[in-house]
Amino acid sequence: MSTLLKTIQKPLGIVLPMDEVKRRVIVDALDKCGGDRILAARLLGIGKTTLYRMARAWHYERPDLQAAALMTVPPLRRGPPGLSA
């Protein structure tokens, strides 16, 4: 490994791409605002349309909806396999 590469890797550690930093900041703001996109946009200082567009692109769901989806159990299928009800 070159000296330059060693010098660059040690002080910087892990460097995230700007798109990932933006995604994490916006998702964190939305989570802290309970999914209220208008409030999150105001706190972040960005337009609500921009926040809506980014949240849609990242398939963001409010924390309570995520939890509800995780706690939902699909109904059991009855009958022989391969036949739909």
N, C-alpha and C. Protein backbone atom coordinates (compact mmCIF):
# COMPACT_ATOMS: atom_id res chain seq x y z
N MET A 1 0.85 -1.18 0.00
CA MET A 1 0.00 0.00 0.00
C MET A 1 0.90 1.24 0.00
N SER A 2 0.56 2.21 -0.81
CA SER A 2 1.39 3.41 -0.90
C SER A 2 1.25 4.27 0.36
N THR A 3 2.28 5.08 0.59
CA THR A 3 2.28 5.97 1.75
C THR A 3 1.12 6.97 1.66
N LEU A 4 0.86 7.46 0.47
CA LEU A 4 -0.24 8.41 0.28
C LEU A 4 -1.57 7.78 0.65
N LEU A 5 -1.79 6.54 0.21
CA LEU A 5 -3.04 5.84 0.52
C LEU A 5 -3.18 5.62 2.02
N LYS A 6 -2.09 5.23 2.70
CA LYS A 6 -2.13 5.04 4.16
C LYS A 6 -2.45 6.36 4.86
N THR A 7 -1.85 7.45 4.39
CA THR A 7 -2.08 8.76 5.00
C THR A 7 -3.53 9.19 4.84
N ILE A 8 -4.10 8.93 3.68
CA ILE A 8 -5.49 9.32 3.42
C ILE A 8 -6.46 8.48 4.24
N GLN A 9 -6.23 7.17 4.34
CA GLN A 9 -7.18 6.29 5.01
C GLN A 9 -7.23 6.50 6.51
N LYS A 10 -6.12 6.69 7.17
CA LYS A 10 -6.12 6.75 8.63
C LYS A 10 -6.90 7.95 9.18
N PRO A 11 -6.59 9.20 8.79
CA PRO A 11 -7.31 10.31 9.44
C PRO A 11 -8.78 10.41 9.03
N LEU A 12 -9.11 9.98 7.82
CA LEU A 12 -10.48 10.15 7.35
C LEU A 12 -11.42 9.06 7.85
N GLY A 13 -10.92 7.87 8.05
CA GLY A 13 -11.80 6.78 8.45
C GLY A 13 -12.78 6.49 7.33
N ILE A 14 -14.04 6.33 7.67
CA ILE A 14 -15.06 6.06 6.67
C ILE A 14 -15.67 7.38 6.23
N VAL A 15 -15.69 7.59 4.93
CA VAL A 15 -16.27 8.80 4.36
C VAL A 15 -17.52 8.38 3.60
N LEU A 16 -18.65 8.98 3.97
CA LEU A 16 -19.92 8.66 3.31
C LEU A 16 -20.14 9.58 2.11
N PRO A 17 -20.73 9.06 1.06
CA PRO A 17 -21.10 9.93 -0.07
C PRO A 17 -22.15 10.96 0.37
N MET A 18 -22.14 12.11 -0.27
CA MET A 18 -23.05 13.20 0.10
C MET A 18 -24.51 12.76 0.01
N ASP A 19 -24.88 11.95 -0.97
CA ASP A 19 -26.27 11.50 -1.09
C ASP A 19 -26.69 10.69 0.14
N GLU A 20 -25.79 9.86 0.67
CA GLU A 20 -26.10 9.07 1.87
C GLU A 20 -26.21 9.96 3.10
N VAL A 21 -25.37 10.98 3.19
CA VAL A 21 -25.45 11.92 4.31
C VAL A 21 -26.79 12.64 4.27
N LYS A 22 -27.20 13.11 3.08
CA LYS A 22 -28.50 13.78 2.94
C LYS A 22 -29.64 12.86 3.34
N ARG A 23 -29.59 11.61 2.85
CA ARG A 23 -30.65 10.66 3.16
C ARG A 23 -30.75 10.44 4.66
N ARG A 24 -29.63 10.26 5.33
CA ARG A 24 -29.65 10.01 6.78
C ARG A 24 -30.18 11.21 7.55
N VAL A 25 -29.78 12.42 7.16
CA VAL A 25 -30.25 13.62 7.86
C VAL A 25 -31.75 13.80 7.67
N ILE A 26 -32.23 13.61 6.46
CA ILE A 26 -33.66 13.80 6.17
C ILE A 26 -34.50 12.73 6.85
N VAL A 27 -34.07 11.48 6.78
CA VAL A 27 -34.83 10.40 7.44
C VAL A 27 -34.83 10.61 8.95
N ASP A 28 -33.72 11.04 9.52
CA ASP A 28 -33.65 11.30 10.95
C ASP A 28 -34.61 12.42 11.34
N ALA A 29 -34.64 13.50 10.55
CA ALA A 29 -35.56 14.61 10.83
C ALA A 29 -37.01 14.16 10.73
N LEU A 30 -37.33 13.38 9.71
CA LEU A 30 -38.70 12.88 9.56
C LEU A 30 -39.09 11.97 10.73
N ASP A 31 -38.18 11.10 11.15
CA ASP A 31 -38.46 10.22 12.29
C ASP A 31 -38.70 11.04 13.56
N LYS A 32 -37.87 12.05 13.79
CA LYS A 32 -38.01 12.87 15.00
C LYS A 32 -39.27 13.72 14.97
N CYS A 33 -39.76 14.04 13.76
CA CYS A 33 -41.00 14.82 13.63
C CYS A 33 -42.22 13.91 13.50
N GLY A 34 -42.04 12.61 13.71
CA GLY A 34 -43.16 11.68 13.61
C GLY A 34 -43.72 11.56 12.21
N GLY A 35 -42.90 11.81 11.19
CA GLY A 35 -43.35 11.71 9.81
C GLY A 35 -43.99 12.99 9.28
N ASP A 36 -44.04 14.05 10.10
CA ASP A 36 -44.62 15.33 9.65
C ASP A 36 -43.64 15.99 8.69
N ARG A 37 -43.93 15.88 7.39
CA ARG A 37 -42.98 16.34 6.38
C ARG A 37 -42.86 17.85 6.32
N ILE A 38 -43.94 18.56 6.59
CA ILE A 38 -43.87 20.03 6.57
C ILE A 38 -43.01 20.54 7.71
N LEU A 39 -43.19 19.98 8.90
CA LEU A 39 -42.36 20.38 10.04
C LEU A 39 -40.90 20.03 9.80
N ALA A 40 -40.63 18.84 9.29
CA ALA A 40 -39.25 18.42 9.02
C ALA A 40 -38.61 19.34 7.99
N ALA A 41 -39.35 19.72 6.95
CA ALA A 41 -38.81 20.63 5.93
C ALA A 41 -38.46 21.98 6.54
N ARG A 42 -39.33 22.48 7.41
CA ARG A 42 -39.05 23.77 8.07
C ARG A 42 -37.80 23.67 8.94
N LEU A 43 -37.67 22.58 9.70
CA LEU A 43 -36.51 22.42 10.57
C LEU A 43 -35.21 22.28 9.77
N LEU A 44 -35.30 21.64 8.61
CA LEU A 44 -34.11 21.44 7.78
C LEU A 44 -33.79 22.65 6.90
N GLY A 45 -34.77 23.55 6.77
CA GLY A 45 -34.55 24.73 5.93
C GLY A 45 -34.62 24.42 4.44
N ILE A 46 -35.43 23.42 4.07
CA ILE A 46 -35.61 23.08 2.66
C ILE A 46 -37.09 23.17 2.32
N GLY A 47 -37.39 23.20 1.06
CA GLY A 47 -38.78 23.28 0.63
C GLY A 47 -39.53 21.99 0.89
N LYS A 48 -40.83 22.12 1.16
CA LYS A 48 -41.62 20.92 1.44
C LYS A 48 -41.72 20.01 0.22
N THR A 49 -41.75 20.60 -0.98
CA THR A 49 -41.80 19.80 -2.19
C THR A 49 -40.52 18.98 -2.36
N THR A 50 -39.39 19.59 -2.04
CA THR A 50 -38.11 18.89 -2.10
C THR A 50 -38.11 17.72 -1.13
N LEU A 51 -38.60 17.95 0.08
CA LEU A 51 -38.63 16.89 1.08
C LEU A 51 -39.58 15.77 0.65
N TYR A 52 -40.73 16.11 0.13
CA TYR A 52 -41.68 15.09 -0.35
C TYR A 52 -41.04 14.24 -1.45
N ARG A 53 -40.36 14.91 -2.39
CA ARG A 53 -39.73 14.20 -3.50
C ARG A 53 -38.64 13.25 -3.01
N MET A 54 -37.81 13.72 -2.08
CA MET A 54 -36.74 12.88 -1.55
C MET A 54 -37.31 11.71 -0.74
N ALA A 55 -38.30 11.97 0.08
CA ALA A 55 -38.91 10.91 0.89
C ALA A 55 -39.55 9.85 -0.01
N ARG A 56 -40.18 10.28 -1.09
CA ARG A 56 -40.78 9.33 -2.03
C ARG A 56 -39.70 8.50 -2.72
N ALA A 57 -38.60 9.14 -3.10
CA ALA A 57 -37.51 8.43 -3.78
C ALA A 57 -36.89 7.37 -2.87
N TRP A 58 -36.87 7.63 -1.55
CA TRP A 58 -36.28 6.68 -0.60
C TRP A 58 -37.33 5.77 0.01
N HIS A 59 -38.57 5.82 -0.46
CA HIS A 59 -39.66 4.98 0.04
C HIS A 59 -39.82 5.12 1.55
N TYR A 60 -39.80 6.39 2.02
CA TYR A 60 -39.91 6.64 3.46
C TYR A 60 -41.32 6.38 3.95
N GLU A 61 -41.43 5.73 5.09
CA GLU A 61 -42.72 5.54 5.78
C GLU A 61 -42.55 6.02 7.21
N ARG A 62 -43.62 6.58 7.74
CA ARG A 62 -43.58 7.04 9.14
C ARG A 62 -43.21 5.88 10.05
N PRO A 63 -42.53 6.18 11.18
CA PRO A 63 -42.12 5.11 12.09
C PRO A 63 -43.27 4.26 12.60
N ASP A 64 -44.44 4.88 12.86
CA ASP A 64 -45.57 4.10 13.37
C ASP A 64 -46.11 3.15 12.30
N LEU A 65 -46.06 3.55 11.02
CA LEU A 65 -46.50 2.67 9.95
C LEU A 65 -45.52 1.53 9.73
N GLN A 66 -44.23 1.82 9.89
CA GLN A 66 -43.21 0.77 9.78
C GLN A 66 -43.42 -0.27 10.86
N ALA A 67 -43.67 0.19 12.08
CA ALA A 67 -43.86 -0.73 13.20
C ALA A 67 -45.12 -1.57 13.00
N ALA A 68 -46.18 -0.94 12.53
CA ALA A 68 -47.43 -1.66 12.29
C ALA A 68 -47.23 -2.74 11.23
N ALA A 69 -46.48 -2.42 10.19
CA ALA A 69 -46.23 -3.40 9.13
C ALA A 69 -45.41 -4.58 9.65
N LEU A 70 -44.46 -4.29 10.54
CA LEU A 70 -43.64 -5.36 11.10
C LEU A 70 -44.42 -6.26 12.05
N MET A 71 -45.45 -5.72 12.68
CA MET A 71 -46.22 -6.47 13.67
C MET A 71 -47.40 -7.22 13.04
N THR A 72 -47.67 -6.97 11.76
CA THR A 72 -48.79 -7.61 11.09
C THR A 72 -48.41 -9.03 10.68
N VAL A 73 -49.28 -9.96 10.99
CA VAL A 73 -49.06 -11.35 10.63
C VAL A 73 -49.99 -11.69 9.48
N PRO A 74 -49.45 -12.19 8.38
CA PRO A 74 -50.33 -12.52 7.26
C PRO A 74 -51.25 -13.67 7.62
N PRO A 75 -52.46 -13.72 7.04
CA PRO A 75 -53.41 -14.79 7.35
C PRO A 75 -52.88 -16.14 6.87
N LEU A 76 -53.25 -17.18 7.60
CA LEU A 76 -52.85 -18.54 7.22
C LEU A 76 -53.66 -19.00 6.03
N ARG A 77 -53.00 -19.71 5.13
CA ARG A 77 -53.72 -20.28 3.99
C ARG A 77 -54.19 -21.67 4.37
N ARG A 78 -55.39 -21.99 4.03
CA ARG A 78 -55.96 -23.31 4.32
C ARG A 78 -56.09 -24.08 3.01
N GLY A 79 -56.01 -25.37 3.09
CA GLY A 79 -56.23 -26.22 1.92
C GLY A 79 -54.91 -26.71 1.35
N PRO A 80 -55.03 -27.49 0.30
CA PRO A 80 -53.83 -28.07 -0.29
C PRO A 80 -52.93 -26.98 -0.92
N PRO A 81 -51.62 -27.23 -0.93
CA PRO A 81 -50.72 -26.23 -1.51
C PRO A 81 -50.98 -26.07 -3.01
N GLY A 82 -50.81 -24.85 -3.47
CA GLY A 82 -50.98 -24.58 -4.89
C GLY A 82 -52.37 -24.10 -5.27
N LEU A 83 -53.36 -24.27 -4.40
CA LEU A 83 -54.70 -23.78 -4.68
C LEU A 83 -54.94 -22.48 -3.96
N SER A 84 -55.50 -21.52 -4.68
CA SER A 84 -55.79 -20.25 -4.03
C SER A 84 -57.26 -20.26 -3.56
N ALA A 85 -57.51 -19.48 -2.53
CA ALA A 85 -58.85 -19.46 -1.96
C ALA A 85 -59.81 -18.61 -2.71
